[in-house]
Amino acid sequence: MTPEELIAFEADIAAEYNAGKIRYPVHLSGGNENQLIDIFKNFKKGDWVFSTWRNHWHALLAGIPKEEVKRQIMAGRSMTVSSVEHNFFSSAIVAGCCPIALGVAWALKRQGSENKVWLFLGDMAACTGIAHECRNYAVMHDLPLRIVIEDNGKSVCTYTGVTWGKSQYVMANCDYYHRYVLPWPHAGAGQRIQF
């Protein structure tokens, strides 16, 4: 997909949400389309993706058809888009996918598979103990786990730098890291919607 297609997809979801047609929380992506397209150039068929509550673009770039992603969002699963067929799983639990992604990476190694596991984390999730433990285990056991940290400088509405006393945080040995400015609010699409 192109940056324009990704942006148009989220604009459509925002319009549906602001019109009251999505009666559930949504977390829109934006501002890092080019970085994600570059990262997904390394994605191979059969690879796994574990994502966060801001997962729409990850799902699209992992090959889930846009109609299916939109269907799940409209059905209230914006934060938990998943597809067994595409080895795609997401969760709204902060860093909740870390141990699951680690287990899949371990299984792939035991099977002798060439596939990889791609784990997406926000900057605050990357600060959690479970993220560090999983990364250390993956490094020490040479597991095919690739960690992508997407740093928008916030954890919900709290600035990560205020929480940790630094303006930027990078997990040691992460595989991909990028900063970006999210053009959307943490949740929703800019209008107050009464469910």
N, C-alpha and C. Protein backbone atom coordinates (compact mmCIF):
# COMPACT_ATOMS: atom_id res chain seq x y z
N MET A 1 0.84 -1.19 0.00
CA MET A 1 0.00 0.00 0.00
C MET A 1 0.88 1.24 0.00
N THR A 2 0.34 2.31 -0.53
CA THR A 2 1.05 3.59 -0.58
C THR A 2 0.70 4.41 0.66
N PRO A 3 1.51 5.44 0.97
CA PRO A 3 1.15 6.32 2.07
C PRO A 3 -0.24 6.92 1.89
N GLU A 4 -0.57 7.30 0.68
CA GLU A 4 -1.87 7.91 0.40
C GLU A 4 -3.01 6.94 0.68
N GLU A 5 -2.83 5.67 0.34
CA GLU A 5 -3.87 4.67 0.61
C GLU A 5 -4.05 4.45 2.11
N LEU A 6 -2.96 4.41 2.85
CA LEU A 6 -3.06 4.24 4.29
C LEU A 6 -3.78 5.43 4.93
N ILE A 7 -3.38 6.63 4.53
CA ILE A 7 -3.99 7.85 5.08
C ILE A 7 -5.48 7.89 4.74
N ALA A 8 -5.83 7.52 3.51
CA ALA A 8 -7.23 7.53 3.09
C ALA A 8 -8.04 6.51 3.89
N PHE A 9 -7.46 5.37 4.20
CA PHE A 9 -8.17 4.36 4.98
C PHE A 9 -8.53 4.93 6.36
N GLU A 10 -7.57 5.55 7.04
CA GLU A 10 -7.85 6.09 8.37
C GLU A 10 -8.81 7.27 8.30
N ALA A 11 -8.73 8.07 7.24
CA ALA A 11 -9.67 9.18 7.09
C ALA A 11 -11.10 8.65 6.96
N ASP A 12 -11.26 7.53 6.25
CA ASP A 12 -12.58 6.89 6.12
C ASP A 12 -13.07 6.40 7.47
N ILE A 13 -12.18 5.76 8.23
CA ILE A 13 -12.57 5.27 9.57
C ILE A 13 -12.94 6.45 10.46
N ALA A 14 -12.18 7.54 10.39
CA ALA A 14 -12.48 8.74 11.19
C ALA A 14 -13.85 9.29 10.84
N ALA A 15 -14.17 9.33 9.55
CA ALA A 15 -15.47 9.83 9.12
C ALA A 15 -16.60 8.94 9.64
N GLU A 16 -16.40 7.63 9.56
CA GLU A 16 -17.41 6.68 10.07
C GLU A 16 -17.59 6.87 11.58
N TYR A 17 -16.49 7.07 12.30
CA TYR A 17 -16.56 7.24 13.74
C TYR A 17 -17.27 8.55 14.08
N ASN A 18 -16.86 9.64 13.43
CA ASN A 18 -17.45 10.95 13.73
C ASN A 18 -18.93 11.02 13.34
N ALA A 19 -19.35 10.17 12.40
CA ALA A 19 -20.76 10.10 12.02
C ALA A 19 -21.57 9.22 12.97
N GLY A 20 -20.90 8.64 13.97
CA GLY A 20 -21.60 7.79 14.94
C GLY A 20 -21.86 6.39 14.45
N LYS A 21 -21.21 5.96 13.35
CA LYS A 21 -21.44 4.63 12.81
C LYS A 21 -20.57 3.56 13.48
N ILE A 22 -19.51 3.99 14.16
CA ILE A 22 -18.68 3.07 14.94
C ILE A 22 -18.94 3.41 16.39
N ARG A 23 -19.59 2.52 17.09
CA ARG A 23 -20.03 2.82 18.45
C ARG A 23 -19.08 2.21 19.49
N TYR A 24 -17.81 2.20 19.15
CA TYR A 24 -16.78 1.62 20.00
C TYR A 24 -15.54 2.49 19.90
N PRO A 25 -14.60 2.39 20.84
CA PRO A 25 -13.37 3.19 20.74
C PRO A 25 -12.55 2.82 19.51
N VAL A 26 -11.91 3.82 18.94
CA VAL A 26 -10.97 3.59 17.84
C VAL A 26 -9.66 4.33 18.16
N HIS A 27 -8.57 3.77 17.68
CA HIS A 27 -7.25 4.38 17.83
C HIS A 27 -6.65 4.46 16.43
N LEU A 28 -6.62 5.66 15.90
CA LEU A 28 -6.20 5.86 14.51
C LEU A 28 -4.69 6.01 14.38
N SER A 29 -4.18 5.53 13.26
CA SER A 29 -2.76 5.65 12.94
C SER A 29 -2.53 6.90 12.10
N GLY A 30 -1.30 7.39 12.13
CA GLY A 30 -0.96 8.54 11.30
C GLY A 30 0.41 9.08 11.64
N GLY A 31 1.05 9.68 10.66
CA GLY A 31 2.33 10.32 10.87
C GLY A 31 3.54 9.42 10.71
N ASN A 32 3.34 8.12 10.57
CA ASN A 32 4.47 7.20 10.41
C ASN A 32 4.27 6.22 9.25
N GLU A 33 3.48 6.64 8.29
CA GLU A 33 3.19 5.75 7.17
C GLU A 33 4.45 5.35 6.39
N ASN A 34 5.35 6.29 6.15
CA ASN A 34 6.57 5.96 5.39
C ASN A 34 7.47 5.01 6.15
N GLN A 35 7.61 5.23 7.45
CA GLN A 35 8.44 4.32 8.26
C GLN A 35 7.87 2.91 8.25
N LEU A 36 6.55 2.79 8.39
CA LEU A 36 5.94 1.45 8.41
C LEU A 36 6.06 0.75 7.05
N ILE A 37 5.87 1.49 6.00
CA ILE A 37 6.03 0.89 4.66
C ILE A 37 7.45 0.36 4.51
N ASP A 38 8.44 1.11 4.96
CA ASP A 38 9.84 0.64 4.88
C ASP A 38 10.06 -0.62 5.72
N ILE A 39 9.50 -0.65 6.93
CA ILE A 39 9.66 -1.81 7.80
C ILE A 39 9.01 -3.04 7.16
N PHE A 40 7.82 -2.88 6.61
CA PHE A 40 7.11 -4.03 6.04
C PHE A 40 7.71 -4.51 4.72
N LYS A 41 8.67 -3.80 4.17
CA LYS A 41 9.41 -4.34 3.02
C LYS A 41 10.20 -5.58 3.42
N ASN A 42 10.50 -5.72 4.71
CA ASN A 42 11.24 -6.87 5.23
C ASN A 42 10.32 -8.01 5.66
N PHE A 43 9.03 -7.79 5.60
CA PHE A 43 8.03 -8.77 6.01
C PHE A 43 7.86 -9.81 4.92
N LYS A 44 7.88 -11.08 5.31
CA LYS A 44 7.73 -12.18 4.35
C LYS A 44 6.46 -12.97 4.65
N LYS A 45 5.92 -13.59 3.61
CA LYS A 45 4.74 -14.44 3.80
C LYS A 45 5.06 -15.51 4.84
N GLY A 46 4.16 -15.68 5.78
CA GLY A 46 4.37 -16.64 6.86
C GLY A 46 4.93 -16.01 8.12
N ASP A 47 5.42 -14.77 8.03
CA ASP A 47 5.85 -14.06 9.23
C ASP A 47 4.64 -13.75 10.10
N TRP A 48 4.89 -13.47 11.35
CA TRP A 48 3.85 -13.14 12.32
C TRP A 48 3.95 -11.67 12.70
N VAL A 49 2.81 -11.06 13.02
CA VAL A 49 2.78 -9.69 13.52
C VAL A 49 1.97 -9.67 14.81
N PHE A 50 2.56 -9.06 15.83
CA PHE A 50 1.88 -8.80 17.10
C PHE A 50 1.86 -7.29 17.28
N SER A 51 0.68 -6.74 17.42
CA SER A 51 0.51 -5.30 17.38
C SER A 51 -0.18 -4.76 18.62
N THR A 52 -0.36 -3.45 18.62
CA THR A 52 -0.94 -2.73 19.74
C THR A 52 -2.37 -2.35 19.43
N TRP A 53 -2.95 -1.49 20.26
CA TRP A 53 -4.31 -1.00 19.99
C TRP A 53 -4.34 -0.10 18.78
N ARG A 54 -3.21 0.46 18.35
CA ARG A 54 -3.14 1.30 17.15
C ARG A 54 -2.60 0.41 16.02
N ASN A 55 -3.44 -0.47 15.50
CA ASN A 55 -2.97 -1.56 14.64
C ASN A 55 -3.44 -1.53 13.20
N HIS A 56 -4.30 -0.60 12.83
CA HIS A 56 -4.93 -0.64 11.50
C HIS A 56 -3.90 -0.74 10.38
N TRP A 57 -2.90 0.11 10.42
CA TRP A 57 -1.90 0.11 9.33
C TRP A 57 -1.04 -1.14 9.36
N HIS A 58 -0.73 -1.64 10.55
CA HIS A 58 0.02 -2.90 10.63
C HIS A 58 -0.77 -4.01 9.95
N ALA A 59 -2.07 -4.06 10.22
CA ALA A 59 -2.91 -5.10 9.64
C ALA A 59 -2.94 -5.00 8.12
N LEU A 60 -3.12 -3.80 7.62
CA LEU A 60 -3.16 -3.60 6.17
C LEU A 60 -1.83 -3.99 5.52
N LEU A 61 -0.74 -3.54 6.12
CA LEU A 61 0.58 -3.83 5.53
C LEU A 61 0.97 -5.29 5.67
N ALA A 62 0.37 -6.00 6.64
CA ALA A 62 0.61 -7.44 6.78
C ALA A 62 -0.21 -8.25 5.78
N GLY A 63 -1.05 -7.57 5.01
CA GLY A 63 -1.79 -8.26 3.94
C GLY A 63 -3.25 -8.54 4.21
N ILE A 64 -3.77 -8.12 5.35
CA ILE A 64 -5.20 -8.32 5.59
C ILE A 64 -5.96 -7.35 4.69
N PRO A 65 -6.90 -7.84 3.90
CA PRO A 65 -7.64 -6.95 2.99
C PRO A 65 -8.31 -5.80 3.74
N LYS A 66 -8.31 -4.63 3.11
CA LYS A 66 -8.86 -3.45 3.79
C LYS A 66 -10.33 -3.62 4.14
N GLU A 67 -11.08 -4.38 3.35
CA GLU A 67 -12.49 -4.62 3.65
C GLU A 67 -12.63 -5.41 4.96
N GLU A 68 -11.72 -6.37 5.18
CA GLU A 68 -11.76 -7.17 6.40
C GLU A 68 -11.34 -6.33 7.61
N VAL A 69 -10.32 -5.50 7.45
CA VAL A 69 -9.90 -4.64 8.56
C VAL A 69 -11.04 -3.69 8.93
N LYS A 70 -11.67 -3.09 7.93
CA LYS A 70 -12.78 -2.17 8.21
C LYS A 70 -13.95 -2.92 8.85
N ARG A 71 -14.24 -4.12 8.40
CA ARG A 71 -15.34 -4.90 8.98
C ARG A 71 -15.11 -5.14 10.47
N GLN A 72 -13.87 -5.49 10.83
CA GLN A 72 -13.56 -5.72 12.23
C GLN A 72 -13.67 -4.43 13.05
N ILE A 73 -13.21 -3.32 12.47
CA ILE A 73 -13.30 -2.03 13.16
C ILE A 73 -14.76 -1.66 13.38
N MET A 74 -15.58 -1.80 12.35
CA MET A 74 -17.00 -1.46 12.45
C MET A 74 -17.72 -2.34 13.48
N ALA A 75 -17.20 -3.56 13.67
CA ALA A 75 -17.80 -4.50 14.63
C ALA A 75 -17.26 -4.29 16.05
N GLY A 76 -16.44 -3.26 16.25
CA GLY A 76 -15.97 -2.95 17.60
C GLY A 76 -14.62 -3.52 17.96
N ARG A 77 -13.87 -4.00 16.97
CA ARG A 77 -12.58 -4.61 17.28
C ARG A 77 -11.40 -3.77 16.77
N SER A 78 -11.55 -2.44 16.81
CA SER A 78 -10.46 -1.56 16.38
C SER A 78 -9.16 -1.87 17.11
N MET A 79 -9.26 -2.13 18.41
CA MET A 79 -8.06 -2.36 19.22
C MET A 79 -7.60 -3.81 19.22
N THR A 80 -8.36 -4.69 18.60
CA THR A 80 -8.02 -6.12 18.63
C THR A 80 -8.18 -6.78 17.26
N VAL A 81 -7.85 -6.05 16.20
CA VAL A 81 -7.91 -6.64 14.87
C VAL A 81 -7.01 -7.88 14.85
N SER A 82 -7.53 -8.98 14.33
CA SER A 82 -6.76 -10.22 14.29
C SER A 82 -7.12 -11.02 13.05
N SER A 83 -6.19 -11.89 12.63
CA SER A 83 -6.44 -12.77 11.50
C SER A 83 -5.54 -14.00 11.61
N VAL A 84 -6.16 -15.14 11.82
CA VAL A 84 -5.41 -16.40 11.87
C VAL A 84 -4.75 -16.64 10.52
N GLU A 85 -5.48 -16.39 9.46
CA GLU A 85 -4.97 -16.62 8.10
C GLU A 85 -3.69 -15.82 7.82
N HIS A 86 -3.59 -14.62 8.41
CA HIS A 86 -2.44 -13.75 8.14
C HIS A 86 -1.45 -13.71 9.31
N ASN A 87 -1.57 -14.61 10.29
CA ASN A 87 -0.68 -14.63 11.45
C ASN A 87 -0.59 -13.25 12.10
N PHE A 88 -1.75 -12.64 12.29
CA PHE A 88 -1.81 -11.27 12.83
C PHE A 88 -2.64 -11.25 14.10
N PHE A 89 -2.06 -10.66 15.16
CA PHE A 89 -2.74 -10.59 16.45
C PHE A 89 -2.47 -9.23 17.06
N SER A 90 -3.49 -8.63 17.66
CA SER A 90 -3.28 -7.36 18.36
C SER A 90 -4.03 -7.38 19.67
N SER A 91 -3.59 -6.50 20.57
CA SER A 91 -4.18 -6.45 21.90
C SER A 91 -4.14 -5.03 22.43
N ALA A 92 -5.14 -4.69 23.23
CA ALA A 92 -5.17 -3.38 23.88
C ALA A 92 -4.43 -3.39 25.21
N ILE A 93 -3.91 -4.53 25.63
CA ILE A 93 -3.16 -4.61 26.88
C ILE A 93 -1.75 -4.12 26.63
N VAL A 94 -1.33 -3.11 27.37
CA VAL A 94 0.00 -2.52 27.16
C VAL A 94 1.07 -3.60 27.34
N ALA A 95 1.85 -3.82 26.31
CA ALA A 95 2.93 -4.82 26.27
C ALA A 95 2.41 -6.25 26.41
N GLY A 96 1.11 -6.44 26.31
CA GLY A 96 0.52 -7.76 26.49
C GLY A 96 0.91 -8.78 25.44
N CYS A 97 1.29 -8.32 24.26
CA CYS A 97 1.67 -9.24 23.19
C CYS A 97 3.11 -9.74 23.33
N CYS A 98 3.90 -9.09 24.18
CA CYS A 98 5.33 -9.44 24.27
C CYS A 98 5.58 -10.93 24.55
N PRO A 99 5.02 -11.49 25.61
CA PRO A 99 5.33 -12.90 25.88
C PRO A 99 4.75 -13.85 24.84
N ILE A 100 3.64 -13.48 24.23
CA ILE A 100 3.05 -14.33 23.19
C ILE A 100 3.95 -14.32 21.96
N ALA A 101 4.41 -13.13 21.58
CA ALA A 101 5.32 -13.01 20.43
C ALA A 101 6.61 -13.79 20.68
N LEU A 102 7.11 -13.72 21.91
CA LEU A 102 8.32 -14.45 22.27
C LEU A 102 8.10 -15.95 22.12
N GLY A 103 6.96 -16.44 22.59
CA GLY A 103 6.65 -17.87 22.48
C GLY A 103 6.55 -18.33 21.04
N VAL A 104 5.95 -17.51 20.18
CA VAL A 104 5.87 -17.87 18.76
C VAL A 104 7.26 -17.87 18.13
N ALA A 105 8.09 -16.90 18.50
CA ALA A 105 9.47 -16.87 17.98
C ALA A 105 10.24 -18.11 18.40
N TRP A 106 10.04 -18.53 19.65
CA TRP A 106 10.69 -19.74 20.13
C TRP A 106 10.22 -20.97 19.34
N ALA A 107 8.91 -21.04 19.09
CA ALA A 107 8.36 -22.17 18.32
C ALA A 107 8.91 -22.18 16.90
N LEU A 108 9.01 -21.00 16.28
CA LEU A 108 9.55 -20.94 14.91
C LEU A 108 10.99 -21.44 14.88
N LYS A 109 11.78 -21.05 15.87
CA LYS A 109 13.17 -21.51 15.91
C LYS A 109 13.22 -23.03 16.07
N ARG A 110 12.42 -23.57 16.97
CA ARG A 110 12.41 -25.03 17.20
C ARG A 110 11.99 -25.79 15.95
N GLN A 111 11.10 -25.18 15.15
CA GLN A 111 10.64 -25.81 13.91
C GLN A 111 11.64 -25.67 12.78
N GLY A 112 12.67 -24.84 12.98
CA GLY A 112 13.63 -24.59 11.91
C GLY A 112 13.08 -23.67 10.84
N SER A 113 12.07 -22.90 11.17
CA SER A 113 11.43 -22.01 10.21
C SER A 113 12.32 -20.81 9.90
N GLU A 114 12.18 -20.29 8.71
CA GLU A 114 12.87 -19.06 8.30
C GLU A 114 12.05 -17.82 8.62
N ASN A 115 10.82 -18.02 9.08
CA ASN A 115 9.94 -16.88 9.36
C ASN A 115 10.35 -16.15 10.62
N LYS A 116 9.84 -14.90 10.72
CA LYS A 116 10.14 -14.03 11.84
C LYS A 116 8.85 -13.58 12.52
N VAL A 117 9.02 -13.06 13.72
CA VAL A 117 7.92 -12.46 14.48
C VAL A 117 8.22 -10.97 14.60
N TRP A 118 7.25 -10.17 14.22
CA TRP A 118 7.37 -8.71 14.30
C TRP A 118 6.50 -8.22 15.44
N LEU A 119 7.13 -7.60 16.43
CA LEU A 119 6.44 -7.13 17.63
C LEU A 119 6.48 -5.60 17.64
N PHE A 120 5.32 -4.98 17.57
CA PHE A 120 5.20 -3.52 17.58
C PHE A 120 4.86 -3.06 18.98
N LEU A 121 5.60 -2.05 19.45
CA LEU A 121 5.38 -1.49 20.78
C LEU A 121 5.39 0.03 20.69
N GLY A 122 4.56 0.66 21.51
CA GLY A 122 4.67 2.09 21.68
C GLY A 122 5.83 2.40 22.61
N ASP A 123 6.19 3.68 22.71
CA ASP A 123 7.35 4.05 23.52
C ASP A 123 7.15 3.75 25.00
N MET A 124 5.94 3.91 25.52
CA MET A 124 5.72 3.60 26.93
C MET A 124 5.72 2.09 27.16
N ALA A 125 5.11 1.33 26.26
CA ALA A 125 5.12 -0.14 26.41
C ALA A 125 6.54 -0.68 26.37
N ALA A 126 7.40 -0.04 25.58
CA ALA A 126 8.79 -0.47 25.48
C ALA A 126 9.54 -0.26 26.80
N CYS A 127 8.99 0.56 27.69
CA CYS A 127 9.62 0.81 29.00
C CYS A 127 9.23 -0.22 30.04
N THR A 128 8.29 -1.07 29.73
CA THR A 128 7.80 -2.02 30.74
C THR A 128 8.80 -3.16 30.96
N GLY A 129 8.71 -3.73 32.13
CA GLY A 129 9.60 -4.84 32.46
C GLY A 129 9.43 -6.03 31.55
N ILE A 130 8.19 -6.36 31.19
CA ILE A 130 7.96 -7.55 30.35
C ILE A 130 8.57 -7.36 28.97
N ALA A 131 8.56 -6.13 28.45
CA ALA A 131 9.19 -5.88 27.14
C ALA A 131 10.69 -6.13 27.22
N HIS A 132 11.31 -5.66 28.29
CA HIS A 132 12.76 -5.86 28.45
C HIS A 132 13.10 -7.33 28.65
N GLU A 133 12.32 -8.01 29.46
CA GLU A 133 12.58 -9.43 29.69
C GLU A 133 12.45 -10.24 28.41
N CYS A 134 11.43 -9.96 27.64
CA CYS A 134 11.24 -10.69 26.38
C CYS A 134 12.36 -10.39 25.40
N ARG A 135 12.75 -9.12 25.30
CA ARG A 135 13.85 -8.77 24.39
C ARG A 135 15.14 -9.47 24.82
N ASN A 136 15.44 -9.46 26.11
CA ASN A 136 16.66 -10.12 26.59
C ASN A 136 16.64 -11.61 26.29
N TYR A 137 15.51 -12.25 26.53
CA TYR A 137 15.39 -13.68 26.27
C TYR A 137 15.58 -13.97 24.78
N ALA A 138 14.97 -13.14 23.94
CA ALA A 138 15.09 -13.34 22.49
C ALA A 138 16.54 -13.19 22.03
N VAL A 139 17.22 -12.19 22.57
CA VAL A 139 18.62 -11.97 22.18
C VAL A 139 19.50 -13.13 22.68
N MET A 140 19.32 -13.52 23.93
CA MET A 140 20.16 -14.57 24.51
C MET A 140 19.96 -15.93 23.86
N HIS A 141 18.76 -16.17 23.31
CA HIS A 141 18.46 -17.45 22.67
C HIS A 141 18.40 -17.35 21.15
N ASP A 142 18.82 -16.20 20.62
CA ASP A 142 18.88 -15.98 19.17
C ASP A 142 17.56 -16.34 18.49
N LEU A 143 16.49 -15.75 19.02
CA LEU A 143 15.16 -16.03 18.48
C LEU A 143 14.81 -15.03 17.37
N PRO A 144 13.98 -15.43 16.42
CA PRO A 144 13.63 -14.55 15.29
C PRO A 144 12.54 -13.54 15.66
N LEU A 145 12.80 -12.75 16.69
CA LEU A 145 11.86 -11.73 17.16
C LEU A 145 12.42 -10.36 16.77
N ARG A 146 11.64 -9.60 16.02
CA ARG A 146 12.03 -8.25 15.60
C ARG A 146 11.13 -7.26 16.32
N ILE A 147 11.73 -6.38 17.13
CA ILE A 147 10.96 -5.42 17.90
C ILE A 147 11.00 -4.06 17.21
N VAL A 148 9.81 -3.51 17.01
CA VAL A 148 9.64 -2.20 16.39
C VAL A 148 9.04 -1.26 17.44
N ILE A 149 9.77 -0.20 17.76
CA ILE A 149 9.25 0.79 18.71
C ILE A 149 8.79 2.01 17.94
N GLU A 150 7.49 2.32 18.12
CA GLU A 150 6.88 3.48 17.49
C GLU A 150 6.69 4.54 18.58
N ASP A 151 7.51 5.58 18.53
CA ASP A 151 7.57 6.57 19.58
C ASP A 151 6.82 7.84 19.18
N ASN A 152 5.61 8.00 19.73
CA ASN A 152 4.88 9.25 19.50
C ASN A 152 5.00 10.18 20.71
N GLY A 153 5.87 9.80 21.65
CA GLY A 153 6.13 10.64 22.81
C GLY A 153 5.08 10.59 23.89
N LYS A 154 4.09 9.72 23.73
CA LYS A 154 3.00 9.70 24.70
C LYS A 154 2.62 8.28 25.09
N SER A 155 2.10 8.19 26.30
CA SER A 155 1.42 7.00 26.76
C SER A 155 0.02 7.45 27.11
N VAL A 156 -0.92 7.13 26.26
CA VAL A 156 -2.27 7.65 26.32
C VAL A 156 -2.15 9.17 26.19
N CYS A 157 -2.36 9.93 27.24
CA CYS A 157 -2.23 11.40 27.16
C CYS A 157 -1.10 11.93 28.04
N THR A 158 -0.28 11.05 28.57
CA THR A 158 0.86 11.44 29.39
C THR A 158 2.11 11.42 28.53
N TYR A 159 2.91 12.46 28.63
CA TYR A 159 4.16 12.48 27.87
C TYR A 159 5.15 11.49 28.48
N THR A 160 5.68 10.60 27.64
CA THR A 160 6.61 9.59 28.11
C THR A 160 7.83 10.23 28.76
N GLY A 161 8.31 11.32 28.19
CA GLY A 161 9.47 12.01 28.75
C GLY A 161 9.24 12.54 30.15
N VAL A 162 8.02 12.96 30.45
CA VAL A 162 7.69 13.43 31.79
C VAL A 162 7.71 12.25 32.76
N THR A 163 7.18 11.13 32.32
CA THR A 163 7.13 9.94 33.16
C THR A 163 8.53 9.44 33.51
N TRP A 164 9.42 9.39 32.51
CA TRP A 164 10.74 8.80 32.71
C TRP A 164 11.85 9.83 32.90
N GLY A 165 11.54 11.12 32.76
CA GLY A 165 12.55 12.15 32.97
C GLY A 165 13.51 12.32 31.80
N LYS A 166 13.14 11.83 30.66
CA LYS A 166 13.96 11.98 29.46
C LYS A 166 13.05 12.32 28.29
N SER A 167 13.60 13.04 27.32
CA SER A 167 12.77 13.43 26.18
C SER A 167 12.65 12.34 25.14
N GLN A 168 13.54 11.35 25.17
CA GLN A 168 13.49 10.27 24.19
C GLN A 168 13.93 8.99 24.88
N TYR A 169 13.30 7.91 24.52
CA TYR A 169 13.64 6.62 25.11
C TYR A 169 13.83 5.61 23.99
N VAL A 170 14.90 4.84 24.07
CA VAL A 170 15.14 3.79 23.09
C VAL A 170 15.48 2.51 23.85
N MET A 171 14.77 1.45 23.55
CA MET A 171 15.07 0.16 24.16
C MET A 171 16.41 -0.34 23.61
N ALA A 172 17.26 -0.81 24.49
CA ALA A 172 18.53 -1.37 24.05
C ALA A 172 18.28 -2.55 23.11
N ASN A 173 19.00 -2.59 22.04
CA ASN A 173 18.93 -3.69 21.07
C ASN A 173 17.60 -3.82 20.34
N CYS A 174 16.78 -2.75 20.29
CA CYS A 174 15.57 -2.87 19.48
C CYS A 174 15.98 -2.91 18.01
N ASP A 175 15.16 -3.51 17.19
CA ASP A 175 15.51 -3.69 15.79
C ASP A 175 15.14 -2.49 14.93
N TYR A 176 14.03 -1.86 15.24
CA TYR A 176 13.58 -0.69 14.48
C TYR A 176 12.99 0.31 15.47
N TYR A 177 13.29 1.56 15.26
CA TYR A 177 12.79 2.62 16.12
C TYR A 177 12.50 3.83 15.25
N HIS A 178 11.35 4.46 15.47
CA HIS A 178 11.09 5.74 14.82
C HIS A 178 10.21 6.61 15.69
N ARG A 179 10.46 7.90 15.60
CA ARG A 179 9.63 8.90 16.26
C ARG A 179 8.68 9.47 15.23
N TYR A 180 7.52 9.86 15.68
CA TYR A 180 6.55 10.46 14.78
C TYR A 180 5.57 11.30 15.58
N VAL A 181 4.84 12.14 14.87
CA VAL A 181 3.80 12.96 15.50
C VAL A 181 2.46 12.42 15.04
N LEU A 182 1.66 11.98 15.98
CA LEU A 182 0.34 11.43 15.68
C LEU A 182 -0.63 12.57 15.40
N PRO A 183 -1.26 12.61 14.23
CA PRO A 183 -2.18 13.71 13.91
C PRO A 183 -3.57 13.55 14.54
N TRP A 184 -3.83 12.42 15.16
CA TRP A 184 -5.13 12.14 15.76
C TRP A 184 -5.01 12.20 17.28
N PRO A 185 -6.13 12.38 17.98
CA PRO A 185 -6.09 12.24 19.44
C PRO A 185 -5.78 10.79 19.81
N HIS A 186 -5.46 10.55 21.08
CA HIS A 186 -5.15 9.18 21.51
C HIS A 186 -6.27 8.22 21.10
N ALA A 187 -7.50 8.59 21.36
CA ALA A 187 -8.65 7.76 20.98
C ALA A 187 -9.66 8.65 20.27
N GLY A 188 -10.40 8.04 19.36
CA GLY A 188 -11.41 8.79 18.63
C GLY A 188 -10.82 9.52 17.43
N ALA A 189 -11.64 10.42 16.88
CA ALA A 189 -11.25 11.12 15.66
C ALA A 189 -11.46 12.63 15.77
N GLY A 190 -11.49 13.13 16.99
CA GLY A 190 -11.53 14.57 17.16
C GLY A 190 -12.88 15.16 17.53
N GLN A 191 -13.92 14.35 17.46
CA GLN A 191 -15.24 14.82 17.87
C GLN A 191 -15.74 13.95 19.02
N ARG A 192 -16.49 14.57 19.90
CA ARG A 192 -17.07 13.80 20.99
C ARG A 192 -18.26 13.02 20.47
N ILE A 193 -18.24 11.72 20.65
CA ILE A 193 -19.30 10.83 20.18
C ILE A 193 -19.97 10.20 21.40
N GLN A 194 -21.28 10.30 21.45
CA GLN A 194 -22.02 9.66 22.53
C GLN A 194 -22.42 8.27 22.07
N PHE A 195 -21.91 7.24 22.73
CA PHE A 195 -22.22 5.87 22.35
C PHE A 195 -23.63 5.53 22.78
